[in-house]
Amino acid sequence: MVTPARFGAGGRWAERAALPLRLVAGPGALPDAGELAALRAALLQRDEPGAALARALLDDRTVTHAQIRDALADPDAPAPEPLEAFLSTVRTRPSWVDDTLLARGAEACRTYGWDATLVLAYGSLLGGYRTAAALEPLVRTGRLTGGETVRRIAETTEWWRAVTAPGGLRPGAEGHRLSLHVRVMHAMVNHRLEADPAWDRAGRGVPINQYDQASTLGVFSTSFLLHLRLLGVRVPRADGAAVMHLWSYLGWLMGVDERWLPHTERQGRRLLYQLLAHDPPPDVNSAALADALIHAGVPEPRERALSLGTWLLGPAAMRDLGLTPRFPWYGLWRAAINLPVTHVAGRLPGGRRRLLARAERQLRHRQAEKADAQRPPAAG
């Protein structure tokens, strides 16, 4: 097996970028020989059940888009054999899945309110652009540049709310359906890019591979919790464990191999450190995607976005992305609000209920602001 050239291409840059994660990963963060071999191999591994369905849809034409859509809405409905084979992989959940933990993880995510949206945008998404590892497929599909940026952010927000809604991951529920829909879309993109003679397999590996899927899962789970704490949000140990459980199940549902699921925060930090430490440095795609996100104006205007990105990611990361760091006033302001609310009021009797109500008010307020901004001016 020939390791794709991108593995370890970051050199000293990757070591510096990954240092904060190494500091919080605890002892034994460095990968051993077996783990290094697994990381290399993951660049050449895909979601095989998804790949089989993509072949049936795009090459064999034994499955249609309409059949996939109907089956995802009702996973128990009859389906053609290739689609049935795919659905069978998600019908029987792993023995480690705990519905109580899933419910607690989803509820915890809902209590984070607007701060969760901010962290996902300017911590997870923007931070993910810092390395060129997984960006080429995004640019090839054109989904995160130009006018598509706002739409993609809206779709990601819709998915996030669906998977964290009460019962959102029950088979047939909106969160479950959307997660499988994303998995199928990834498989289709991967299938098309793998067949493209212009794809640099020797340099990049499989377009949408297990390595990058594990990294994406990490920024939406492990670094998500780390960044929430930077905004002054209290994350009790039990909530952190439940959020990691939720995202491990989501990762499994979306085709991430069991080996790469971050079941605990410590495992997640260690794995995310190892991934980033072997990533390639940023490239022109990093700057283009970061610029599109910052200038999109959602979820926050440009100056707030730059300030918050500087607070969550650090000045060096902003410069890597071709962005000018700002004084982190917005992150400090959010932290000043969240510290008394979540660390004091949130601990009092009924605190969880009040945090959920606060999060709902924030969402309604932002939705009203958005509606006002889109309303055409009155005539005359």
Protein backbone atom coordinates (compact mmCIF):
# COMPACT_ATOMS: atom_id res chain seq x y z
CA MET A 1 0.00 0.00 0.00
CA VAL A 2 1.41 3.37 -1.04
CA THR A 3 0.64 6.14 1.44
CA PRO A 4 -0.85 9.26 -0.23
CA ALA A 5 1.67 12.11 -0.35
CA ARG A 6 -0.51 14.42 1.75
CA PHE A 7 0.10 12.31 4.89
CA GLY A 8 2.61 14.14 7.05
CA ALA A 9 3.06 16.88 4.45
CA GLY A 10 2.43 19.57 7.07
CA GLY A 11 5.74 18.99 8.84
CA ARG A 12 6.51 21.62 11.47
CA TRP A 13 3.40 23.59 10.57
CA ALA A 14 1.22 20.62 11.55
CA GLU A 15 3.16 20.13 14.78
CA ARG A 16 2.56 23.76 15.78
CA ALA A 17 -1.10 23.70 14.72
CA ALA A 18 -1.76 20.51 16.68
CA LEU A 19 0.12 21.57 19.82
CA PRO A 20 -2.94 22.91 21.72
CA LEU A 21 -4.69 19.59 21.17
CA ARG A 22 -1.65 17.67 22.36
CA LEU A 23 -1.64 19.72 25.56
CA VAL A 24 -5.25 18.78 26.35
CA ALA A 25 -5.02 15.19 25.08
CA GLY A 26 -3.10 14.03 28.11
CA PRO A 27 -0.19 11.57 28.32
CA GLY A 28 0.31 9.05 25.54
CA ALA A 29 -1.03 11.27 22.78
CA LEU A 30 1.66 10.32 20.28
CA PRO A 31 0.56 7.49 17.97
CA ASP A 32 2.37 4.15 18.07
CA ALA A 33 3.43 2.25 14.95
CA GLY A 34 0.09 0.46 14.63
CA GLU A 35 -1.88 3.69 14.93
CA LEU A 36 0.31 5.38 12.33
CA ALA A 37 -0.31 2.50 9.93
CA ALA A 38 -4.06 2.77 10.54
CA LEU A 39 -4.00 6.53 9.88
CA ARG A 40 -2.21 5.99 6.57
CA ALA A 41 -4.59 3.24 5.55
CA ALA A 42 -7.64 5.37 6.41
CA LEU A 43 -6.78 7.74 3.55
CA LEU A 44 -7.52 4.89 1.14
CA GLN A 45 -10.66 3.62 2.84
CA ARG A 46 -14.20 4.71 2.00
CA ASP A 47 -17.69 4.06 3.34
CA GLU A 48 -18.17 0.74 1.54
CA PRO A 49 -21.96 0.31 2.07
CA GLY A 50 -22.43 3.85 0.77
CA ALA A 51 -20.11 3.16 -2.16
CA ALA A 52 -22.13 0.06 -3.14
CA LEU A 53 -25.34 2.10 -3.11
CA ALA A 54 -23.71 4.84 -5.20
CA ARG A 55 -22.68 2.26 -7.82
CA ALA A 56 -26.22 0.87 -7.92
CA LEU A 57 -27.62 4.37 -8.37
CA LEU A 58 -25.11 5.91 -10.79
CA ASP A 59 -23.71 2.94 -12.76
CA ASP A 60 -26.09 -0.01 -12.57
CA ARG A 61 -29.26 2.10 -12.38
CA THR A 62 -30.92 -0.56 -10.20
CA VAL A 63 -31.92 2.09 -7.65
CA THR A 64 -33.51 5.50 -8.23
CA HIS A 65 -33.30 8.75 -6.31
CA ALA A 66 -37.03 8.52 -5.59
CA GLN A 67 -36.64 5.06 -4.07
CA ILE A 68 -33.82 6.28 -1.83
CA ARG A 69 -35.88 9.30 -0.75
CA ASP A 70 -38.90 7.15 0.11
CA ALA A 71 -36.80 4.54 1.93
CA LEU A 72 -35.06 7.12 4.08
CA ALA A 73 -38.42 8.53 5.13
CA ASP A 74 -39.62 5.00 6.02
CA PRO A 75 -36.65 2.67 6.63
CA ASP A 76 -38.96 -0.36 7.08
CA ALA A 77 -40.66 0.01 3.68
CA PRO A 78 -39.79 -2.53 0.93
CA ALA A 79 -36.80 -1.49 -1.19
CA PRO A 80 -34.75 -2.86 -4.11
CA GLU A 81 -31.99 -5.27 -3.08
CA PRO A 82 -29.03 -2.83 -3.31
CA LEU A 83 -30.93 -0.26 -1.26
CA GLU A 84 -32.13 -2.92 1.16
CA ALA A 85 -28.50 -4.01 1.67
CA PHE A 86 -27.56 -0.42 2.57
CA LEU A 87 -30.48 0.02 4.94
CA SER A 88 -29.69 -3.24 6.70
CA THR A 89 -26.38 -1.75 7.83
CA VAL A 90 -28.15 0.92 9.88
CA ARG A 91 -31.19 -1.01 11.14
CA THR A 92 -29.27 -2.92 13.78
CA ARG A 93 -27.48 -0.43 15.98
CA PRO A 94 -24.24 -1.31 17.78
CA SER A 95 -24.66 -2.74 21.27
CA TRP A 96 -22.97 0.30 22.81
CA VAL A 97 -25.71 2.73 21.74
CA ASP A 98 -27.64 4.00 24.77
CA ASP A 99 -30.91 5.85 24.12
CA THR A 100 -30.72 7.62 27.49
CA LEU A 101 -27.30 9.04 26.63
CA LEU A 102 -28.47 10.01 23.14
CA ALA A 103 -31.38 11.95 24.64
CA ARG A 104 -29.15 13.67 27.21
CA GLY A 105 -26.55 14.58 24.58
CA ALA A 106 -29.21 16.07 22.31
CA GLU A 107 -30.76 18.03 25.17
CA ALA A 108 -27.35 19.33 26.23
CA CYS A 109 -26.71 20.57 22.69
CA ARG A 110 -30.03 22.39 22.71
CA THR A 111 -29.17 24.18 25.96
CA TYR A 112 -26.09 25.74 24.34
CA GLY A 113 -28.39 27.89 22.19
CA TRP A 114 -26.80 30.54 20.01
CA ASP A 115 -23.34 29.69 21.31
CA ALA A 116 -23.60 26.28 19.64
CA THR A 117 -24.31 28.00 16.31
CA LEU A 118 -21.34 30.32 16.76
CA VAL A 119 -18.96 27.49 17.69
CA LEU A 120 -20.09 25.33 14.77
CA ALA A 121 -19.52 28.19 12.32
CA TYR A 122 -16.34 29.85 13.59
CA GLY A 123 -14.79 26.99 15.54
CA SER A 124 -15.71 23.76 13.77
CA LEU A 125 -16.29 24.91 10.18
CA LEU A 126 -13.72 27.71 9.99
CA GLY A 127 -11.20 25.66 11.96
CA GLY A 128 -11.69 22.76 9.58
CA TYR A 129 -10.55 24.95 6.69
CA ARG A 130 -7.15 25.52 8.31
CA THR A 131 -5.79 22.35 6.75
CA ALA A 132 -6.12 21.48 3.07
CA ALA A 133 -6.82 17.84 3.96
CA ALA A 134 -10.50 17.52 3.03
CA LEU A 135 -11.16 20.68 1.04
CA GLU A 136 -10.71 19.63 -2.57
CA PRO A 137 -14.02 17.69 -2.78
CA LEU A 138 -15.85 20.71 -1.31
CA VAL A 139 -14.39 23.04 -3.90
CA ARG A 140 -15.01 20.56 -6.73
CA THR A 141 -18.71 20.43 -5.86
CA GLY A 142 -18.89 24.22 -5.48
CA ARG A 143 -20.98 23.93 -2.33
CA LEU A 144 -19.06 26.27 -0.02
CA THR A 145 -18.04 29.19 -2.19
CA GLY A 146 -19.91 32.07 -3.79
CA GLY A 147 -23.67 32.16 -3.38
CA GLU A 148 -23.77 28.57 -2.15
CA THR A 149 -22.16 29.48 1.18
CA VAL A 150 -25.30 30.80 2.87
CA ARG A 151 -27.40 27.90 1.60
CA ARG A 152 -24.92 25.32 2.85
CA ILE A 153 -24.75 26.98 6.28
CA ALA A 154 -28.56 26.92 6.42
CA GLU A 155 -28.61 23.23 5.48
CA THR A 156 -26.03 22.37 8.12
CA THR A 157 -28.00 24.33 10.73
CA GLU A 158 -31.21 22.53 9.76
CA TRP A 159 -29.46 19.17 10.09
CA TRP A 160 -27.96 20.12 13.47
CA ARG A 161 -31.35 21.09 14.85
CA ALA A 162 -32.92 17.93 13.47
CA VAL A 163 -30.40 15.54 15.03
CA THR A 164 -30.58 17.31 18.41
CA ALA A 165 -34.39 17.54 18.47
CA PRO A 166 -36.20 15.24 20.92
CA GLY A 167 -36.37 11.83 19.27
CA GLY A 168 -34.59 13.21 16.21
CA LEU A 169 -32.50 10.07 15.66
CA ARG A 170 -35.31 7.53 15.75
CA PRO A 171 -35.58 5.66 12.41
CA GLY A 172 -37.69 7.77 10.07
CA ALA A 173 -37.31 10.92 12.18
CA GLU A 174 -35.97 14.04 10.47
CA GLY A 175 -32.51 13.88 12.03
CA HIS A 176 -32.11 10.20 11.16
CA ARG A 177 -33.34 10.79 7.60
CA LEU A 178 -31.13 13.82 6.97
CA SER A 179 -28.05 12.04 8.34
CA LEU A 180 -28.53 9.11 5.96
CA HIS A 181 -29.25 11.56 3.14
CA VAL A 182 -25.89 13.26 3.78
CA ARG A 183 -24.21 9.84 3.81
CA VAL A 184 -25.69 8.99 0.42
CA MET A 185 -24.68 12.39 -1.00
CA HIS A 186 -21.11 11.87 0.22
CA ALA A 187 -21.03 8.44 -1.39
CA MET A 188 -22.22 9.88 -4.71
CA VAL A 189 -19.63 12.66 -4.67
CA ASN A 190 -16.92 10.18 -3.79
CA HIS A 191 -17.98 7.84 -6.59
CA ARG A 192 -17.87 10.60 -9.20
CA LEU A 193 -14.54 11.99 -8.06
CA GLU A 194 -12.90 8.58 -7.89
CA ALA A 195 -13.91 8.04 -11.52
CA ASP A 196 -12.49 11.43 -12.55
CA PRO A 197 -9.05 10.99 -14.21
CA ALA A 198 -8.07 14.40 -12.84
CA TRP A 199 -8.38 13.21 -9.23
CA ASP A 200 -4.92 12.90 -7.65
CA ARG A 201 -5.29 9.62 -5.79
CA ALA A 202 -1.54 9.26 -5.23
CA GLY A 203 -1.46 12.66 -3.54
CA ARG A 204 -4.82 12.77 -1.77
CA GLY A 205 -6.10 9.21 -1.44
CA VAL A 206 -9.81 8.47 -1.73
CA PRO A 207 -11.75 11.76 -2.13
CA ILE A 208 -14.04 11.26 0.87
CA ASN A 209 -12.07 8.88 3.05
CA GLN A 210 -12.24 7.54 6.58
CA TYR A 211 -9.38 9.77 7.75
CA ASP A 212 -11.17 12.98 6.76
CA GLN A 213 -14.54 11.72 7.95
CA ALA A 214 -13.00 11.02 11.36
CA SER A 215 -11.47 14.51 11.40
CA THR A 216 -14.80 16.13 10.50
CA LEU A 217 -16.52 14.16 13.23
CA GLY A 218 -13.85 15.41 15.64
CA VAL A 219 -14.38 19.09 14.93
CA PHE A 220 -18.15 18.68 15.39
CA SER A 221 -17.76 16.82 18.69
CA THR A 222 -14.40 17.13 20.45
CA SER A 223 -13.39 20.64 19.40
CA PHE A 224 -17.05 21.73 19.64
CA LEU A 225 -16.98 21.07 23.40
CA LEU A 226 -13.56 22.66 23.82
CA HIS A 227 -14.69 25.82 22.04
CA LEU A 228 -17.92 26.02 24.04
CA ARG A 229 -15.83 26.19 27.20
CA LEU A 230 -13.80 29.02 25.66
CA LEU A 231 -17.08 30.92 25.40
CA GLY A 232 -17.63 30.45 29.13
CA VAL A 233 -20.26 27.73 28.71
CA ARG A 234 -20.42 25.19 31.52
CA VAL A 235 -20.27 21.65 30.16
CA PRO A 236 -20.78 19.19 33.05
CA ARG A 237 -18.80 15.96 32.74
CA ALA A 238 -21.98 13.91 32.27
CA ASP A 239 -23.16 16.24 29.49
CA GLY A 240 -19.78 16.06 27.76
CA ALA A 241 -19.89 12.26 27.85
CA ALA A 242 -23.44 12.28 26.46
CA VAL A 243 -22.55 14.68 23.63
CA MET A 244 -19.63 12.45 22.63
CA HIS A 245 -21.95 9.43 22.70
CA LEU A 246 -24.43 11.26 20.48
CA TRP A 247 -21.74 12.14 17.94
CA SER A 248 -20.23 8.65 18.00
CA TYR A 249 -23.64 7.27 17.02
CA LEU A 250 -24.05 9.97 14.38
CA GLY A 251 -20.62 9.11 12.99
CA TRP A 252 -21.52 5.43 12.83
CA LEU A 253 -24.85 6.25 11.18
CA MET A 254 -23.04 8.34 8.55
CA GLY A 255 -20.50 5.68 7.64
CA VAL A 256 -17.51 6.31 9.91
CA ASP A 257 -15.76 3.07 10.87
CA GLU A 258 -15.96 1.99 14.51
CA ARG A 259 -12.19 2.48 14.92
CA TRP A 260 -12.53 6.25 14.42
CA LEU A 261 -15.52 6.94 16.67
CA PRO A 262 -14.62 9.30 19.59
CA HIS A 263 -16.54 7.65 22.42
CA THR A 264 -15.03 9.89 25.12
CA GLU A 265 -13.58 13.38 25.18
CA ARG A 266 -10.14 12.02 25.99
CA GLN A 267 -10.27 9.61 23.04
CA GLY A 268 -11.56 12.42 20.84
CA ARG A 269 -8.77 14.83 21.80
CA ARG A 270 -6.10 12.19 21.27
CA LEU A 271 -7.47 11.19 17.87
CA LEU A 272 -8.01 14.75 16.68
CA TYR A 273 -4.45 15.62 17.69
CA GLN A 274 -3.07 12.66 15.72
CA LEU A 275 -5.09 13.59 12.65
CA LEU A 276 -4.14 17.27 12.64
CA ALA A 277 -0.48 16.49 13.37
CA HIS A 278 -0.31 14.57 10.05
CA ASP A 279 -2.41 16.94 7.94
CA PRO A 280 -1.13 19.05 5.04
CA PRO A 281 -0.88 22.83 5.50
CA PRO A 282 -3.53 25.26 4.24
CA ASP A 283 -3.74 26.02 0.52
CA VAL A 284 -5.65 28.37 -1.78
CA ASN A 285 -8.85 26.43 -1.07
CA SER A 286 -8.44 27.16 2.65
CA ALA A 287 -8.32 30.89 2.03
CA ALA A 288 -11.19 30.84 -0.48
CA LEU A 289 -13.52 28.89 1.79
CA ALA A 290 -12.62 30.94 4.88
CA ASP A 291 -13.18 34.20 3.02
CA ALA A 292 -16.57 32.99 1.76
CA LEU A 293 -17.68 32.01 5.26
CA ILE A 294 -16.54 35.26 6.91
CA HIS A 295 -18.14 37.44 4.22
CA ALA A 296 -21.40 35.48 4.16
CA GLY A 297 -22.72 37.60 7.04
CA VAL A 298 -24.31 34.57 8.70
CA PRO A 299 -24.55 33.63 11.44
CA GLU A 300 -22.72 36.86 12.37
CA PRO A 301 -21.53 39.99 10.52
CA ARG A 302 -17.93 40.09 9.31
CA GLU A 303 -16.27 41.92 12.20
CA ARG A 304 -17.94 39.77 14.85
CA ALA A 305 -16.99 36.68 12.86
CA LEU A 306 -13.34 37.73 12.65
CA SER A 307 -13.23 38.59 16.35
CA LEU A 308 -14.82 35.29 17.36
CA GLY A 309 -12.62 33.28 15.00
CA THR A 310 -9.55 34.89 16.58
CA TRP A 311 -10.80 33.98 20.07
CA LEU A 312 -11.67 30.36 19.24
CA LEU A 313 -8.84 29.48 16.84
CA GLY A 314 -6.07 31.92 17.69
CA PRO A 315 -4.26 34.56 15.60
CA ALA A 316 -1.94 32.03 13.93
CA ALA A 317 -4.88 30.04 12.60
CA MET A 318 -6.52 33.18 11.24
CA ARG A 319 -3.33 34.10 9.40
CA ASP A 320 -3.13 30.55 8.03
CA LEU A 321 -6.58 31.15 6.56
CA GLY A 322 -5.56 34.43 4.95
CA LEU A 323 -7.64 36.40 7.46
CA THR A 324 -6.55 39.36 9.56
CA PRO A 325 -6.90 38.61 13.30
CA ARG A 326 -9.06 40.95 15.34
CA PHE A 327 -9.14 41.81 19.02
CA PRO A 328 -11.28 38.97 20.47
CA TRP A 329 -13.87 41.26 22.07
CA TYR A 330 -16.85 39.26 20.86
CA GLY A 331 -15.63 36.00 22.38
CA LEU A 332 -14.83 37.77 25.64
CA TRP A 333 -18.28 39.36 25.65
CA ARG A 334 -19.99 35.99 25.10
CA ALA A 335 -17.89 34.47 27.89
CA ALA A 336 -18.79 37.31 30.26
CA ILE A 337 -22.48 36.55 29.67
CA ASN A 338 -22.21 32.77 29.80
CA LEU A 339 -20.10 32.43 32.93
CA PRO A 340 -22.75 33.68 35.39
CA VAL A 341 -25.67 32.26 33.41
CA THR A 342 -24.40 28.70 32.93
CA HIS A 343 -22.04 28.30 35.89
CA VAL A 344 -24.24 29.94 38.51
CA ALA A 345 -27.88 30.14 37.42
CA GLY A 346 -27.56 26.89 35.52
CA ARG A 347 -26.62 24.99 38.70
CA LEU A 348 -29.68 26.15 40.65
CA PRO A 349 -32.85 24.05 40.88
CA GLY A 350 -34.62 24.25 37.54
CA GLY A 351 -31.46 25.56 35.91
CA ARG A 352 -31.59 23.13 33.00
CA ARG A 353 -35.14 24.13 32.19
CA ARG A 354 -34.20 27.81 32.26
CA LEU A 355 -31.19 27.23 29.98
CA LEU A 356 -33.40 25.43 27.46
CA ALA A 357 -35.93 28.27 27.57
CA ARG A 358 -33.10 30.80 27.11
CA ALA A 359 -31.84 28.87 24.08
CA GLU A 360 -35.33 28.86 22.54
CA ARG A 361 -35.66 32.61 23.07
CA GLN A 362 -32.30 33.16 21.37
CA LEU A 363 -33.40 31.07 18.39
CA ARG A 364 -36.72 32.89 18.04
CA HIS A 365 -34.95 36.26 18.31
CA ARG A 366 -32.45 35.35 15.58
CA GLN A 367 -35.20 33.99 13.34
CA ALA A 368 -37.14 37.24 13.77
CA GLU A 369 -34.03 39.28 12.92
CA LYS A 370 -33.49 37.21 9.80
CA ALA A 371 -37.13 37.61 8.74
CA ASP A 372 -36.91 41.38 9.22
CA ALA A 373 -33.74 41.56 7.16
CA GLN A 374 -35.36 39.63 4.30
CA ARG A 375 -38.62 41.61 4.34
CA PRO A 376 -38.83 44.04 1.39
CA PRO A 377 -39.06 47.74 2.30
CA ALA A 378 -42.48 49.28 2.45
CA ALA A 379 -43.64 51.11 -0.67
CA GLY A 380 -43.55 54.86 -0.62
